[in-house]
Amino acid sequence: MSDGDLKIRGALFIRESDLQEKFIHSGGPGGQNVNKVATGVQLRYSPRQTQTLPWPVILKAEKLAGSKLNAEGEIVIQATRFRSQEQNREDARKRLVALLAEAAAPPPKKRKPTKPSLSARRKRMDSKTRRGVVKKLRGRVEME
């Protein structure tokens, strides 16, 4: 892993050379600057072309990408939130790393169903019985 590489999680990373950036015009605030300067970033990453990610992570990343995955198998992220090119570039990279980190996360452990212990069941039944006795004692008082 070199300085320009993006760390994902644990030992997983993506190489700077695997990323393709294209600068585009972005809408939103910025006045005339928006019409003159290409501040938006279109980041492309092809997970199947890389050798730094294991196959299960690649498949899960493609599934998580959804509409961000194009016909060529590239994950395309557009960042136009900020006025500066550098901030949009950083935003796009963070979003890609977040997507890949989610894909690399281990699956949640399955819950093993358990039953209440015998003593817990007895305590529950005893408390219900005691409560029932208290309620039964609330009967009408007979007047002589």
C-alpha atoms as a PDB file:
ATOM      1  CA  MET A   1       0.000   0.000   0.000  1.00  0.00           C
ATOM      2  CA  SER A   2       1.466   3.377  -1.014  1.00  0.00           C
ATOM      3  CA  ASP A   3       0.678   6.925   0.147  1.00  0.00           C
ATOM      4  CA  GLY A   4      -1.995   7.660  -2.491  1.00  0.00           C
ATOM      5  CA  ASP A   5      -3.995   4.485  -1.860  1.00  0.00           C
ATOM      6  CA  LEU A   6      -7.353   4.652  -0.065  1.00  0.00           C
ATOM      7  CA  LYS A   7      -7.671   2.480   3.060  1.00  0.00           C
ATOM      8  CA  ILE A   8     -11.032   0.764   3.374  1.00  0.00           C
ATOM      9  CA  ARG A   9     -11.031  -1.531   6.396  1.00  0.00           C
ATOM     10  CA  GLY A  10      -8.349  -3.633   8.028  1.00  0.00           C
ATOM     11  CA  ALA A  11      -5.890  -4.686   5.328  1.00  0.00           C
ATOM     12  CA  LEU A  12      -8.254  -3.793   2.462  1.00  0.00           C
ATOM     13  CA  PHE A  13      -7.403  -0.826   0.246  1.00  0.00           C
ATOM     14  CA  ILE A  14      -7.849   0.445  -3.307  1.00  0.00           C
ATOM     15  CA  ARG A  15      -5.080   1.837  -5.448  1.00  0.00           C
ATOM     16  CA  GLU A  16      -5.096   5.439  -6.613  1.00  0.00           C
ATOM     17  CA  SER A  17      -4.406   4.143 -10.126  1.00  0.00           C
ATOM     18  CA  ASP A  18      -7.701   2.159 -10.114  1.00  0.00           C
ATOM     19  CA  LEU A  19      -9.735   5.383  -9.790  1.00  0.00           C
ATOM     20  CA  GLN A  20     -10.787   7.507 -12.768  1.00  0.00           C
ATOM     21  CA  GLU A  21     -11.907  11.073 -12.157  1.00  0.00           C
ATOM     22  CA  LYS A  22     -13.702  13.322 -14.580  1.00  0.00           C
ATOM     23  CA  PHE A  23     -14.528  16.913 -13.680  1.00  0.00           C
ATOM     24  CA  ILE A  24     -17.986  18.119 -14.659  1.00  0.00           C
ATOM     25  CA  HIS A  25     -20.084  21.257 -14.315  1.00  0.00           C
ATOM     26  CA  SER A  26     -22.176  21.172 -11.191  1.00  0.00           C
ATOM     27  CA  GLY A  27     -25.405  22.960 -10.394  1.00  0.00           C
ATOM     28  CA  GLY A  28     -26.373  24.593  -7.149  1.00  0.00           C
ATOM     29  CA  PRO A  29     -24.834  27.602  -5.398  1.00  0.00           C
ATOM     30  CA  GLY A  30     -21.784  29.352  -6.792  1.00  0.00           C
ATOM     31  CA  GLY A  31     -23.057  32.114  -9.065  1.00  0.00           C
ATOM     32  CA  GLN A  32     -21.140  32.591 -12.323  1.00  0.00           C
ATOM     33  CA  ASN A  33     -18.414  30.295 -11.008  1.00  0.00           C
ATOM     34  CA  VAL A  34     -20.764  27.341 -11.629  1.00  0.00           C
ATOM     35  CA  ASN A  35     -20.993  28.182 -15.333  1.00  0.00           C
ATOM     36  CA  LYS A  36     -17.261  28.717 -15.810  1.00  0.00           C
ATOM     37  CA  VAL A  37     -15.495  26.080 -13.704  1.00  0.00           C
ATOM     38  CA  ALA A  38     -15.981  22.306 -13.640  1.00  0.00           C
ATOM     39  CA  THR A  39     -16.187  21.812  -9.874  1.00  0.00           C
ATOM     40  CA  GLY A  40     -18.210  18.589  -9.843  1.00  0.00           C
ATOM     41  CA  VAL A  41     -16.458  15.231  -9.804  1.00  0.00           C
ATOM     42  CA  GLN A  42     -17.485  11.981 -11.456  1.00  0.00           C
ATOM     43  CA  LEU A  43     -15.503   9.171  -9.847  1.00  0.00           C
ATOM     44  CA  ARG A  44     -15.358   5.791 -11.593  1.00  0.00           C
ATOM     45  CA  TYR A  45     -14.120   2.593 -10.010  1.00  0.00           C
ATOM     46  CA  SER A  46     -14.213  -0.857 -11.568  1.00  0.00           C
ATOM     47  CA  PRO A  47     -14.112  -3.388  -8.715  1.00  0.00           C
ATOM     48  CA  ARG A  48     -13.688  -6.420 -11.005  1.00  0.00           C
ATOM     49  CA  GLN A  49     -10.519  -4.929 -12.540  1.00  0.00           C
ATOM     50  CA  THR A  50      -8.751  -4.539  -9.197  1.00  0.00           C
ATOM     51  CA  GLN A  51      -6.631  -7.131  -7.427  1.00  0.00           C
ATOM     52  CA  THR A  52      -6.812  -5.590  -3.970  1.00  0.00           C
ATOM     53  CA  LEU A  53     -10.326  -6.745  -3.005  1.00  0.00           C
ATOM     54  CA  PRO A  54     -11.517 -10.323  -2.383  1.00  0.00           C
ATOM     55  CA  TRP A  55     -14.282 -11.681  -4.613  1.00  0.00           C
ATOM     56  CA  PRO A  56     -17.075 -11.744  -1.954  1.00  0.00           C
ATOM     57  CA  VAL A  57     -16.441  -8.056  -1.180  1.00  0.00           C
ATOM     58  CA  ILE A  58     -16.605  -7.190  -4.899  1.00  0.00           C
ATOM     59  CA  LEU A  59     -19.941  -8.988  -5.324  1.00  0.00           C
ATOM     60  CA  LYS A  60     -21.450  -7.358  -2.223  1.00  0.00           C
ATOM     61  CA  ALA A  61     -20.166  -3.920  -3.318  1.00  0.00           C
ATOM     62  CA  GLU A  62     -21.825  -4.306  -6.723  1.00  0.00           C
ATOM     63  CA  LYS A  63     -25.074  -5.280  -5.018  1.00  0.00           C
ATOM     64  CA  LEU A  64     -24.893  -2.310  -2.615  1.00  0.00           C
ATOM     65  CA  ALA A  65     -24.005   0.125  -5.420  1.00  0.00           C
ATOM     66  CA  GLY A  66     -27.399  -0.423  -7.055  1.00  0.00           C
ATOM     67  CA  SER A  67     -28.032   2.329  -9.605  1.00  0.00           C
ATOM     68  CA  LYS A  68     -24.460   3.616  -9.195  1.00  0.00           C
ATOM     69  CA  LEU A  69     -23.249   0.508 -11.048  1.00  0.00           C
ATOM     70  CA  ASN A  70     -23.261   1.005 -14.834  1.00  0.00           C
ATOM     71  CA  ALA A  71     -23.432  -1.564 -17.664  1.00  0.00           C
ATOM     72  CA  GLU A  72     -19.626  -1.768 -17.876  1.00  0.00           C
ATOM     73  CA  GLY A  73     -19.440  -2.869 -14.228  1.00  0.00           C
ATOM     74  CA  GLU A  74     -18.079   0.450 -12.961  1.00  0.00           C
ATOM     75  CA  ILE A  75     -19.258   2.127  -9.787  1.00  0.00           C
ATOM     76  CA  VAL A  76     -19.902   5.770 -10.739  1.00  0.00           C
ATOM     77  CA  ILE A  77     -20.165   8.353  -7.970  1.00  0.00           C
ATOM     78  CA  GLN A  78     -21.004  11.981  -8.751  1.00  0.00           C
ATOM     79  CA  ALA A  79     -20.142  14.627  -6.190  1.00  0.00           C
ATOM     80  CA  THR A  80     -21.464  18.148  -6.756  1.00  0.00           C
ATOM     81  CA  ARG A  81     -22.342  19.117  -3.196  1.00  0.00           C
ATOM     82  CA  PHE A  82     -19.570  21.679  -2.673  1.00  0.00           C
ATOM     83  CA  ARG A  83     -18.362  24.745  -4.579  1.00  0.00           C
ATOM     84  CA  SER A  84     -14.744  23.632  -4.764  1.00  0.00           C
ATOM     85  CA  GLN A  85     -13.362  20.864  -6.912  1.00  0.00           C
ATOM     86  CA  GLU A  86     -11.118  19.575  -4.135  1.00  0.00           C
ATOM     87  CA  GLN A  87     -13.992  19.233  -1.634  1.00  0.00           C
ATOM     88  CA  ASN A  88     -16.126  17.400  -4.206  1.00  0.00           C
ATOM     89  CA  ARG A  89     -13.199  15.119  -5.017  1.00  0.00           C
ATOM     90  CA  GLU A  90     -12.766  14.287  -1.334  1.00  0.00           C
ATOM     91  CA  ASP A  91     -16.530  13.761  -0.930  1.00  0.00           C
ATOM     92  CA  ALA A  92     -16.672  11.296  -3.838  1.00  0.00           C
ATOM     93  CA  ARG A  93     -13.739   9.309  -2.456  1.00  0.00           C
ATOM     94  CA  LYS A  94     -15.262   9.177   1.026  1.00  0.00           C
ATOM     95  CA  ARG A  95     -18.547   7.897  -0.390  1.00  0.00           C
ATOM     96  CA  LEU A  96     -16.734   5.192  -2.376  1.00  0.00           C
ATOM     97  CA  VAL A  97     -14.737   4.122   0.690  1.00  0.00           C
ATOM     98  CA  ALA A  98     -17.949   4.037   2.784  1.00  0.00           C
ATOM     99  CA  LEU A  99     -19.664   1.819   0.192  1.00  0.00           C
ATOM    100  CA  LEU A 100     -16.698  -0.576   0.039  1.00  0.00           C
ATOM    101  CA  ALA A 101     -16.322  -0.612   3.847  1.00  0.00           C
ATOM    102  CA  GLU A 102     -19.976  -1.615   4.164  1.00  0.00           C
ATOM    103  CA  ALA A 103     -19.397  -4.377   1.625  1.00  0.00           C
ATOM    104  CA  ALA A 104     -16.334  -5.592   3.558  1.00  0.00           C
ATOM    105  CA  ALA A 105     -18.116  -5.643   6.921  1.00  0.00           C
ATOM    106  CA  PRO A 106     -18.655  -9.127   8.320  1.00  0.00           C
ATOM    107  CA  PRO A 107     -22.274 -10.320   8.274  1.00  0.00           C
ATOM    108  CA  PRO A 108     -24.147  -9.994  11.573  1.00  0.00           C
ATOM    109  CA  LYS A 109     -24.176 -13.124  13.720  1.00  0.00           C
ATOM    110  CA  LYS A 110     -27.384 -15.111  13.579  1.00  0.00           C
ATOM    111  CA  ARG A 111     -29.438 -15.057  16.743  1.00  0.00           C
ATOM    112  CA  LYS A 112     -29.693 -18.409  18.447  1.00  0.00           C
ATOM    113  CA  PRO A 113     -33.217 -18.722  19.878  1.00  0.00           C
ATOM    114  CA  THR A 114     -33.236 -19.595  23.581  1.00  0.00           C
ATOM    115  CA  LYS A 115     -35.909 -20.663  26.036  1.00  0.00           C
ATOM    116  CA  PRO A 116     -36.448 -19.227  29.522  1.00  0.00           C
ATOM    117  CA  SER A 117     -34.947 -21.366  32.267  1.00  0.00           C
ATOM    118  CA  LEU A 118     -37.104 -23.509  34.551  1.00  0.00           C
ATOM    119  CA  SER A 119     -36.514 -21.182  37.536  1.00  0.00           C
ATOM    120  CA  ALA A 120     -37.459 -18.117  35.415  1.00  0.00           C
ATOM    121  CA  ARG A 121     -40.730 -19.809  34.402  1.00  0.00           C
ATOM    122  CA  ARG A 122     -41.462 -20.740  38.029  1.00  0.00           C
ATOM    123  CA  LYS A 123     -40.771 -17.171  39.232  1.00  0.00           C
ATOM    124  CA  ARG A 124     -43.082 -15.828  36.538  1.00  0.00           C
ATOM    125  CA  MET A 125     -45.890 -18.221  37.475  1.00  0.00           C
ATOM    126  CA  ASP A 126     -45.433 -17.484  41.209  1.00  0.00           C
ATOM    127  CA  SER A 127     -45.687 -13.746  40.649  1.00  0.00           C
ATOM    128  CA  LYS A 128     -48.820 -14.248  38.523  1.00  0.00           C
ATOM    129  CA  THR A 129     -50.348 -16.391  41.244  1.00  0.00           C
ATOM    130  CA  ARG A 130     -49.540 -13.818  43.947  1.00  0.00           C
ATOM    131  CA  ARG A 131     -51.013 -11.046  41.822  1.00  0.00           C
ATOM    132  CA  GLY A 132     -54.155 -13.117  41.262  1.00  0.00           C
ATOM    133  CA  VAL A 133     -54.546 -13.662  45.022  1.00  0.00           C
ATOM    134  CA  VAL A 134     -54.229  -9.897  45.647  1.00  0.00           C
ATOM    135  CA  LYS A 135     -56.938  -9.222  43.083  1.00  0.00           C
ATOM    136  CA  LYS A 136     -59.210 -11.921  44.514  1.00  0.00           C
ATOM    137  CA  LEU A 137     -58.959 -10.332  47.951  1.00  0.00           C
ATOM    138  CA  ARG A 138     -60.391  -7.117  46.490  1.00  0.00           C
ATOM    139  CA  GLY A 139     -63.856  -8.683  46.504  1.00  0.00           C
ATOM    140  CA  ARG A 140     -66.977  -7.043  47.905  1.00  0.00           C
ATOM    141  CA  VAL A 141     -67.157  -6.381  51.608  1.00  0.00           C
ATOM    142  CA  GLU A 142     -70.317  -7.868  53.163  1.00  0.00           C
ATOM    143  CA  MET A 143     -72.326  -5.550  55.413  1.00  0.00           C
ATOM    144  CA  GLU A 144     -74.272  -7.139  58.275  1.00  0.00           C
END
